[in-house]
Amino acid sequence: MSLAEEYKRQFAWRDWGAALAACPIEPGQKVLDFGCGPGDLSAELVSRGAQVVGVDSNEDLLSIAQKRGLRNCAFLNQDLKSPRLEMNSFDGIWCSFTAAYFTNFEGVFRSWIPLLRPKSWVCITEIDDLLGHEPMLEHLRAKLDKFYDEAFTGRGYDFRSGHKISAILKNEGFKIQERLLRDQELAFDGPAIPAVTQAWSNRFNRMGGLKNFLGDEFEDFRSNFLKILENKDHRSTCRVFCVVGMRP
C-alpha cells in the first residue's frame, strides 16, 4: 500500500470534523495548507469556501493532489522552512501533522507570520508522544525515550511537539484555543481493530530512524508494540493537539 493510500485510509480515523469546526474558516478566505500531502485536507477547506494554496515538498504526494482537480486550489512544491509566497496575503494557515518535522518549529512558524493578513488565523494539529502506548515494559519505554531524544537532537523529528504548539503561538502574540482530538489510530484506549493494527505495522516499515536506532532489537520492539495495541487493557499516552490561534 502506497503512502497516499495509507493517508486515505487513516483519514477516517482522525477527528478532522472537530478540528475544522474549531477554525474560523469563512467563504472567500485565502488559506494556506502547509504540509498538504495528497490534498485531503485541502479538499475539506475548499468545500468550506476557501481559496487554498497547498504547499509540500513531496513531489509524489503533490502529483496526486494536483490530479484531484480541485477548484480554487493550487499546489506548490516548496520548502516550508522558507516558503516563497506573497506577504500579507492570506487569511489563514492550516497545518496538520507537519510541525513535528521541524525541531526548531518556533523559528519556522515565525517565518510564516508575514504571509498573514491582520486578524488572520492559524490551525495547527500535531501529535505528542506518537509511540506512547501502555502497558509497555519499562526497558522498552526507556529505549523509546532515548530514541525521542536522538531524533530531536539529530534535527530529524520532534516526537514531543504537540504540547509545545500553544506556547509558540502565544509567544508570537496569537490568542489561542487548544483542544485534544480523539483519534481511532493514535490516541485511543482499549484494543485496536485489525485495520489499525495493520496500519501501525505498515508505519513501522517506514520508520527507518527507529529501525537504525534499535538495530537487531527492532523486530522485537515492533512485535511487542503491536501486542500492546491488541491488549484489552491498552491505553494511549499519545495525544493529538489541535491549536487555533487568532492574530489580533
C-alpha atoms as a PDB file:
ATOM      1  CA  MET A   1       0.000   0.000   0.000  1.00  0.00           C
ATOM      2  CA  SER A   2       1.415   3.404  -1.013  1.00  0.00           C
ATOM      3  CA  LEU A   3       1.829   6.283   1.428  1.00  0.00           C
ATOM      4  CA  ALA A   4      -1.038   8.151  -0.246  1.00  0.00           C
ATOM      5  CA  GLU A   5      -3.280   5.097   0.140  1.00  0.00           C
ATOM      6  CA  GLU A   6      -2.287   4.874   3.815  1.00  0.00           C
ATOM      7  CA  TYR A   7      -3.231   8.535   4.290  1.00  0.00           C
ATOM      8  CA  LYS A   8      -6.583   7.943   2.633  1.00  0.00           C
ATOM      9  CA  ARG A   9      -7.346   5.036   4.969  1.00  0.00           C
ATOM     10  CA  GLN A  10      -6.186   6.963   8.032  1.00  0.00           C
ATOM     11  CA  PHE A  11      -8.339   9.971   7.161  1.00  0.00           C
ATOM     12  CA  ALA A  12     -11.448   8.285   8.569  1.00  0.00           C
ATOM     13  CA  TRP A  13      -9.693   7.647  11.905  1.00  0.00           C
ATOM     14  CA  ARG A  14      -8.884  11.321  12.510  1.00  0.00           C
ATOM     15  CA  ASP A  15     -11.230  13.772  14.205  1.00  0.00           C
ATOM     16  CA  TRP A  16     -10.999  16.270  11.365  1.00  0.00           C
ATOM     17  CA  GLY A  17     -14.596  17.389  11.839  1.00  0.00           C
ATOM     18  CA  ALA A  18     -13.757  18.768  15.283  1.00  0.00           C
ATOM     19  CA  ALA A  19     -10.546  20.413  14.077  1.00  0.00           C
ATOM     20  CA  LEU A  20     -12.220  22.071  11.101  1.00  0.00           C
ATOM     21  CA  ALA A  21     -15.161  23.205  13.217  1.00  0.00           C
ATOM     22  CA  ALA A  22     -12.731  24.941  15.588  1.00  0.00           C
ATOM     23  CA  CYS A  23     -11.212  27.011  12.762  1.00  0.00           C
ATOM     24  CA  PRO A  24     -12.809  30.329  11.799  1.00  0.00           C
ATOM     25  CA  ILE A  25     -12.941  29.416   8.112  1.00  0.00           C
ATOM     26  CA  GLU A  26     -15.166  31.660   6.014  1.00  0.00           C
ATOM     27  CA  PRO A  27     -16.079  31.510   2.306  1.00  0.00           C
ATOM     28  CA  GLY A  28     -13.712  33.528   0.159  1.00  0.00           C
ATOM     29  CA  GLN A  29     -10.772  33.387   2.540  1.00  0.00           C
ATOM     30  CA  LYS A  30      -7.316  32.657   1.143  1.00  0.00           C
ATOM     31  CA  VAL A  31      -5.891  29.762   3.138  1.00  0.00           C
ATOM     32  CA  LEU A  32      -2.525  28.026   3.099  1.00  0.00           C
ATOM     33  CA  ASP A  33      -2.421  24.274   3.678  1.00  0.00           C
ATOM     34  CA  PHE A  34       1.155  23.702   4.830  1.00  0.00           C
ATOM     35  CA  GLY A  35       2.217  20.058   4.526  1.00  0.00           C
ATOM     36  CA  CYS A  36      -0.775  19.362   2.297  1.00  0.00           C
ATOM     37  CA  GLY A  37       0.356  15.884   1.172  1.00  0.00           C
ATOM     38  CA  PRO A  38      -2.175  14.358  -1.249  1.00  0.00           C
ATOM     39  CA  GLY A  39      -4.652  17.186  -0.659  1.00  0.00           C
ATOM     40  CA  ASP A  40      -7.227  15.522   1.589  1.00  0.00           C
ATOM     41  CA  LEU A  41      -7.488  18.495   3.946  1.00  0.00           C
ATOM     42  CA  SER A  42      -7.136  20.980   1.097  1.00  0.00           C
ATOM     43  CA  ALA A  43     -10.321  19.455  -0.313  1.00  0.00           C
ATOM     44  CA  GLU A  44     -12.068  19.943   3.037  1.00  0.00           C
ATOM     45  CA  LEU A  45     -11.004  23.585   3.161  1.00  0.00           C
ATOM     46  CA  VAL A  46     -12.193  24.155  -0.417  1.00  0.00           C
ATOM     47  CA  SER A  47     -15.553  22.561   0.418  1.00  0.00           C
ATOM     48  CA  ARG A  48     -15.965  25.244   3.085  1.00  0.00           C
ATOM     49  CA  GLY A  49     -15.497  28.006   0.527  1.00  0.00           C
ATOM     50  CA  ALA A  50     -11.789  28.753   0.982  1.00  0.00           C
ATOM     51  CA  GLN A  51      -9.342  29.536  -1.802  1.00  0.00           C
ATOM     52  CA  VAL A  52      -6.486  27.188  -0.970  1.00  0.00           C
ATOM     53  CA  VAL A  53      -2.783  27.040  -1.728  1.00  0.00           C
ATOM     54  CA  GLY A  54      -1.383  23.660  -0.685  1.00  0.00           C
ATOM     55  CA  VAL A  55       2.357  23.502  -0.085  1.00  0.00           C
ATOM     56  CA  ASP A  56       4.517  20.397   0.342  1.00  0.00           C
ATOM     57  CA  SER A  57       7.950  19.138  -0.663  1.00  0.00           C
ATOM     58  CA  ASN A  58       6.909  15.569  -1.514  1.00  0.00           C
ATOM     59  CA  GLU A  59       6.600  15.515  -5.294  1.00  0.00           C
ATOM     60  CA  ASP A  60       4.742  12.181  -5.401  1.00  0.00           C
ATOM     61  CA  LEU A  61       2.053  13.327  -2.968  1.00  0.00           C
ATOM     62  CA  LEU A  62       1.747  16.687  -4.723  1.00  0.00           C
ATOM     63  CA  SER A  63       1.193  14.909  -8.034  1.00  0.00           C
ATOM     64  CA  ILE A  64      -1.747  13.045  -6.508  1.00  0.00           C
ATOM     65  CA  ALA A  65      -3.103  16.286  -5.041  1.00  0.00           C
ATOM     66  CA  GLN A  66      -2.917  18.046  -8.401  1.00  0.00           C
ATOM     67  CA  LYS A  67      -4.790  15.212 -10.115  1.00  0.00           C
ATOM     68  CA  ARG A  68      -7.763  15.806  -7.810  1.00  0.00           C
ATOM     69  CA  GLY A  69      -8.691  18.789  -9.994  1.00  0.00           C
ATOM     70  CA  LEU A  70      -9.891  20.882  -7.066  1.00  0.00           C
ATOM     71  CA  ARG A  71     -11.402  24.238  -7.990  1.00  0.00           C
ATOM     72  CA  ASN A  72      -9.993  27.305  -6.232  1.00  0.00           C
ATOM     73  CA  CYS A  73      -6.935  25.326  -5.203  1.00  0.00           C
ATOM     74  CA  ALA A  74      -3.285  25.325  -6.294  1.00  0.00           C
ATOM     75  CA  PHE A  75      -0.463  23.068  -5.143  1.00  0.00           C
ATOM     76  CA  LEU A  76       3.179  24.144  -4.879  1.00  0.00           C
ATOM     77  CA  ASN A  77       6.417  22.289  -4.227  1.00  0.00           C
ATOM     78  CA  GLN A  78       8.292  24.424  -1.715  1.00  0.00           C
ATOM     79  CA  ASP A  79      10.412  24.156   1.410  1.00  0.00           C
ATOM     80  CA  LEU A  80       8.188  25.045   4.360  1.00  0.00           C
ATOM     81  CA  LYS A  81      11.158  26.424   6.264  1.00  0.00           C
ATOM     82  CA  SER A  82      11.284  29.325   3.810  1.00  0.00           C
ATOM     83  CA  PRO A  83       8.130  29.426   1.639  1.00  0.00           C
ATOM     84  CA  ARG A  84       8.285  31.766  -1.357  1.00  0.00           C
ATOM     85  CA  LEU A  85       4.817  33.298  -1.201  1.00  0.00           C
ATOM     86  CA  GLU A  86       3.309  36.761  -1.301  1.00  0.00           C
ATOM     87  CA  MET A  87       3.494  38.559   2.021  1.00  0.00           C
ATOM     88  CA  ASN A  88       0.401  39.832   3.845  1.00  0.00           C
ATOM     89  CA  SER A  89      -1.889  37.866   1.510  1.00  0.00           C
ATOM     90  CA  PHE A  90      -3.520  35.023   3.448  1.00  0.00           C
ATOM     91  CA  ASP A  91      -6.370  34.842   5.931  1.00  0.00           C
ATOM     92  CA  GLY A  92      -5.383  31.550   7.498  1.00  0.00           C
ATOM     93  CA  ILE A  93      -2.842  28.756   7.755  1.00  0.00           C
ATOM     94  CA  TRP A  94      -3.853  25.141   8.193  1.00  0.00           C
ATOM     95  CA  CYS A  95      -1.036  22.792   9.185  1.00  0.00           C
ATOM     96  CA  SER A  96      -1.657  19.184  10.214  1.00  0.00           C
ATOM     97  CA  PHE A  97       0.939  16.615  11.308  1.00  0.00           C
ATOM     98  CA  THR A  98       3.767  18.722   9.883  1.00  0.00           C
ATOM     99  CA  ALA A  99       5.151  20.879  12.719  1.00  0.00           C
ATOM    100  CA  ALA A 100       6.971  17.907  14.285  1.00  0.00           C
ATOM    101  CA  TYR A 101       9.238  17.673  11.250  1.00  0.00           C
ATOM    102  CA  PHE A 102      10.872  20.930  12.369  1.00  0.00           C
ATOM    103  CA  THR A 103      12.777  20.645  15.624  1.00  0.00           C
ATOM    104  CA  ASN A 104      13.002  24.454  15.569  1.00  0.00           C
ATOM    105  CA  PHE A 105       9.324  24.949  14.803  1.00  0.00           C
ATOM    106  CA  GLU A 106       9.268  28.258  16.670  1.00  0.00           C
ATOM    107  CA  GLY A 107      11.655  29.743  14.110  1.00  0.00           C
ATOM    108  CA  VAL A 108       9.813  28.154  11.195  1.00  0.00           C
ATOM    109  CA  PHE A 109       6.468  29.461  12.406  1.00  0.00           C
ATOM    110  CA  ARG A 110       7.938  32.944  12.798  1.00  0.00           C
ATOM    111  CA  SER A 111       8.826  32.873   9.094  1.00  0.00           C
ATOM    112  CA  TRP A 112       5.184  32.105   8.235  1.00  0.00           C
ATOM    113  CA  ILE A 113       3.654  35.032  10.102  1.00  0.00           C
ATOM    114  CA  PRO A 114       4.490  37.726   7.482  1.00  0.00           C
ATOM    115  CA  LEU A 115       2.382  35.787   4.967  1.00  0.00           C
ATOM    116  CA  LEU A 116      -0.755  36.517   7.007  1.00  0.00           C
ATOM    117  CA  ARG A 117      -3.069  39.466   6.858  1.00  0.00           C
ATOM    118  CA  PRO A 118      -4.151  41.282  10.039  1.00  0.00           C
ATOM    119  CA  LYS A 119      -6.873  39.476  12.041  1.00  0.00           C
ATOM    120  CA  SER A 120      -5.959  36.158  10.478  1.00  0.00           C
ATOM    121  CA  TRP A 121      -5.828  32.675  11.994  1.00  0.00           C
ATOM    122  CA  VAL A 122      -3.745  29.527  12.169  1.00  0.00           C
ATOM    123  CA  CYS A 123      -4.866  25.984  12.957  1.00  0.00           C
ATOM    124  CA  ILE A 124      -2.094  23.524  13.832  1.00  0.00           C
ATOM    125  CA  THR A 125      -2.722  19.865  14.614  1.00  0.00           C
ATOM    126  CA  GLU A 126       0.167  17.783  15.905  1.00  0.00           C
ATOM    127  CA  ILE A 127       0.954  14.573  17.773  1.00  0.00           C
ATOM    128  CA  ASP A 128       2.725  14.316  21.114  1.00  0.00           C
ATOM    129  CA  ASP A 129       4.372  11.014  22.133  1.00  0.00           C
ATOM    130  CA  LEU A 130       3.448   9.068  18.982  1.00  0.00           C
ATOM    131  CA  LEU A 131       4.646   5.722  20.329  1.00  0.00           C
ATOM    132  CA  GLY A 132       3.238   6.254  23.817  1.00  0.00           C
ATOM    133  CA  HIS A 133       1.033   3.203  24.329  1.00  0.00           C
ATOM    134  CA  GLU A 134       0.646   1.185  27.516  1.00  0.00           C
ATOM    135  CA  PRO A 135       1.153  -1.265  29.142  1.00  0.00           C
ATOM    136  CA  MET A 136       4.762  -1.046  27.901  1.00  0.00           C
ATOM    137  CA  LEU A 137       7.669  -2.787  29.589  1.00  0.00           C
ATOM    138  CA  GLU A 138       9.882  -0.348  31.471  1.00  0.00           C
ATOM    139  CA  HIS A 139      13.032  -1.103  29.479  1.00  0.00           C
ATOM    140  CA  LEU A 140      11.161  -0.545  26.194  1.00  0.00           C
ATOM    141  CA  ARG A 141       9.855   2.817  27.416  1.00  0.00           C
ATOM    142  CA  ALA A 142      13.417   3.793  28.357  1.00  0.00           C
ATOM    143  CA  LYS A 143      14.629   2.911  24.849  1.00  0.00           C
ATOM    144  CA  LEU A 144      11.763   4.906  23.383  1.00  0.00           C
ATOM    145  CA  ASP A 145      12.674   7.995  25.402  1.00  0.00           C
ATOM    146  CA  LYS A 146      16.270   7.733  24.198  1.00  0.00           C
ATOM    147  CA  PHE A 147      15.054   7.410  20.616  1.00  0.00           C
ATOM    148  CA  TYR A 148      12.893  10.536  21.013  1.00  0.00           C
ATOM    149  CA  ASP A 149      15.920  12.439  22.321  1.00  0.00           C
ATOM    150  CA  GLU A 150      18.140  11.257  19.485  1.00  0.00           C
ATOM    151  CA  ALA A 151      15.522  12.118  16.860  1.00  0.00           C
ATOM    152  CA  PHE A 152      15.280  15.631  18.255  1.00  0.00           C
ATOM    153  CA  THR A 153      18.997  16.352  18.675  1.00  0.00           C
ATOM    154  CA  GLY A 154      19.678  14.860  15.253  1.00  0.00           C
ATOM    155  CA  ARG A 155      17.439  17.586  13.772  1.00  0.00           C
ATOM    156  CA  GLY A 156      15.088  14.987  12.379  1.00  0.00           C
ATOM    157  CA  TYR A 157      11.768  14.893  14.199  1.00  0.00           C
ATOM    158  CA  ASP A 158      10.222  16.167  17.429  1.00  0.00           C
ATOM    159  CA  PHE A 159       8.122  13.373  18.908  1.00  0.00           C
ATOM    160  CA  ARG A 160       7.138  15.718  21.750  1.00  0.00           C
ATOM    161  CA  SER A 161       5.989  18.550  19.507  1.00  0.00           C
ATOM    162  CA  GLY A 162       2.251  18.621  20.180  1.00  0.00           C
ATOM    163  CA  HIS A 163       2.218  20.139  23.664  1.00  0.00           C
ATOM    164  CA  LYS A 164       4.631  22.914  22.596  1.00  0.00           C
ATOM    165  CA  ILE A 165       2.440  24.481  19.905  1.00  0.00           C
ATOM    166  CA  SER A 166       0.268  26.640  22.182  1.00  0.00           C
ATOM    167  CA  ALA A 167       3.261  28.324  23.822  1.00  0.00           C
ATOM    168  CA  ILE A 168       4.877  29.035  20.454  1.00  0.00           C
ATOM    169  CA  LEU A 169       1.736  30.756  19.156  1.00  0.00           C
ATOM    170  CA  LYS A 170       1.275  32.709  22.395  1.00  0.00           C
ATOM    171  CA  ASN A 171       4.868  33.950  22.207  1.00  0.00           C
ATOM    172  CA  GLU A 172       4.104  35.389  18.769  1.00  0.00           C
ATOM    173  CA  GLY A 173       1.064  37.285  20.037  1.00  0.00           C
ATOM    174  CA  PHE A 174      -1.720  34.903  18.981  1.00  0.00           C
ATOM    175  CA  LYS A 175      -4.767  34.345  21.158  1.00  0.00           C
ATOM    176  CA  ILE A 176      -5.101  30.575  21.337  1.00  0.00           C
ATOM    177  CA  GLN A 177      -7.626  27.848  21.941  1.00  0.00           C
ATOM    178  CA  GLU A 178      -6.324  24.328  22.485  1.00  0.00           C
ATOM    179  CA  ARG A 179      -8.180  21.050  22.390  1.00  0.00           C
ATOM    180  CA  LEU A 180      -7.337  17.368  22.309  1.00  0.00           C
ATOM    181  CA  LEU A 181      -8.694  15.432  19.365  1.00  0.00           C
ATOM    182  CA  ARG A 182      -9.992  11.900  19.502  1.00  0.00           C
ATOM    183  CA  ASP A 183      -8.168   9.520  17.184  1.00  0.00           C
ATOM    184  CA  GLN A 184      -9.029   5.907  16.457  1.00  0.00           C
ATOM    185  CA  GLU A 185      -5.446   5.076  15.499  1.00  0.00           C
ATOM    186  CA  LEU A 186      -3.166   7.339  17.507  1.00  0.00           C
ATOM    187  CA  ALA A 187      -4.933   8.276  20.752  1.00  0.00           C
ATOM    188  CA  PHE A 188      -7.438   5.683  21.921  1.00  0.00           C
ATOM    189  CA  ASP A 189      -7.980   3.217  24.754  1.00  0.00           C
ATOM    190  CA  GLY A 190      -8.893  -0.448  24.507  1.00  0.00           C
ATOM    191  CA  PRO A 191      -7.827  -2.973  21.862  1.00  0.00           C
ATOM    192  CA  ALA A 192      -7.204  -1.736  18.329  1.00  0.00           C
ATOM    193  CA  ILE A 193      -9.310  -3.009  15.465  1.00  0.00           C
ATOM    194  CA  PRO A 194      -7.347  -5.205  12.991  1.00  0.00           C
ATOM    195  CA  ALA A 195      -7.135  -2.440  10.367  1.00  0.00           C
ATOM    196  CA  VAL A 196      -5.486  -0.105  12.881  1.00  0.00           C
ATOM    197  CA  THR A 197      -3.001  -2.759  13.953  1.00  0.00           C
ATOM    198  CA  GLN A 198      -2.101  -3.312  10.289  1.00  0.00           C
ATOM    199  CA  ALA A 199      -1.702   0.437   9.755  1.00  0.00           C
ATOM    200  CA  TRP A 200       0.738   0.557  12.656  1.00  0.00           C
ATOM    201  CA  SER A 201       2.670  -2.382  11.251  1.00  0.00           C
ATOM    202  CA  ASN A 202       2.930  -0.523   7.948  1.00  0.00           C
ATOM    203  CA  ARG A 203       4.078   2.623   9.756  1.00  0.00           C
ATOM    204  CA  PHE A 204       6.959   0.706  11.333  1.00  0.00           C
ATOM    205  CA  ASN A 205       8.085  -0.248   7.826  1.00  0.00           C
ATOM    206  CA  ARG A 206       8.530   3.481   7.112  1.00  0.00           C
ATOM    207  CA  MET A 207      10.317   4.311  10.378  1.00  0.00           C
ATOM    208  CA  GLY A 208      13.897   3.932   9.201  1.00  0.00           C
ATOM    209  CA  GLY A 209      15.196   6.080  12.040  1.00  0.00           C
ATOM    210  CA  LEU A 210      13.730   3.789  14.684  1.00  0.00           C
ATOM    211  CA  LYS A 211      14.997   0.732  12.829  1.00  0.00           C
ATOM    212  CA  ASN A 212      18.539   2.134  12.718  1.00  0.00           C
ATOM    213  CA  PHE A 213      18.361   3.123  16.389  1.00  0.00           C
ATOM    214  CA  LEU A 214      17.176  -0.276  17.634  1.00  0.00           C
ATOM    215  CA  GLY A 215      19.176  -2.421  15.214  1.00  0.00           C
ATOM    216  CA  ASP A 216      18.659  -6.109  15.917  1.00  0.00           C
ATOM    217  CA  GLU A 217      16.027  -5.250  18.541  1.00  0.00           C
ATOM    218  CA  PHE A 218      13.708  -3.553  16.059  1.00  0.00           C
ATOM    219  CA  GLU A 219      11.546  -6.573  15.202  1.00  0.00           C
ATOM    220  CA  ASP A 220      11.097  -7.480  18.872  1.00  0.00           C
ATOM    221  CA  PHE A 221      10.051  -3.918  19.613  1.00  0.00           C
ATOM    222  CA  ARG A 222       7.535  -3.910  16.762  1.00  0.00           C
ATOM    223  CA  SER A 223       6.113  -7.261  17.870  1.00  0.00           C
ATOM    224  CA  ASN A 224       5.728  -6.067  21.460  1.00  0.00           C
ATOM    225  CA  PHE A 225       4.187  -2.791  20.363  1.00  0.00           C
ATOM    226  CA  LEU A 226       1.554  -4.476  18.200  1.00  0.00           C
ATOM    227  CA  LYS A 227       0.675  -6.790  21.095  1.00  0.00           C
ATOM    228  CA  ILE A 228       0.183  -3.726  23.300  1.00  0.00           C
ATOM    229  CA  LEU A 229      -2.314  -2.328  20.791  1.00  0.00           C
ATOM    230  CA  GLU A 230      -4.260  -5.594  20.858  1.00  0.00           C
ATOM    231  CA  ASN A 231      -4.285  -5.772  24.673  1.00  0.00           C
ATOM    232  CA  LYS A 232      -7.700  -5.305  26.274  1.00  0.00           C
ATOM    233  CA  ASP A 233      -6.039  -3.015  28.840  1.00  0.00           C
ATOM    234  CA  HIS A 234      -4.356  -0.864  26.186  1.00  0.00           C
ATOM    235  CA  ARG A 235      -4.337   2.859  26.819  1.00  0.00           C
ATOM    236  CA  SER A 236      -2.674   5.639  24.903  1.00  0.00           C
ATOM    237  CA  THR A 237      -0.462   8.351  26.334  1.00  0.00           C
ATOM    238  CA  CYS A 238      -0.145   9.797  22.846  1.00  0.00           C
ATOM    239  CA  ARG A 239      -2.149  12.993  22.429  1.00  0.00           C
ATOM    240  CA  VAL A 240      -3.331  14.790  19.306  1.00  0.00           C
ATOM    241  CA  PHE A 241      -3.333  18.539  19.941  1.00  0.00           C
ATOM    242  CA  CYS A 242      -5.338  20.989  17.857  1.00  0.00           C
ATOM    243  CA  VAL A 243      -4.385  24.611  18.484  1.00  0.00           C
ATOM    244  CA  VAL A 244      -6.230  27.502  16.884  1.00  0.00           C
ATOM    245  CA  GLY A 245      -4.527  30.891  17.075  1.00  0.00           C
ATOM    246  CA  MET A 246      -6.155  34.217  16.256  1.00  0.00           C
ATOM    247  CA  ARG A 247      -3.990  37.141  15.194  1.00  0.00           C
ATOM    248  CA  PRO A 248      -5.272  40.442  16.627  1.00  0.00           C
END
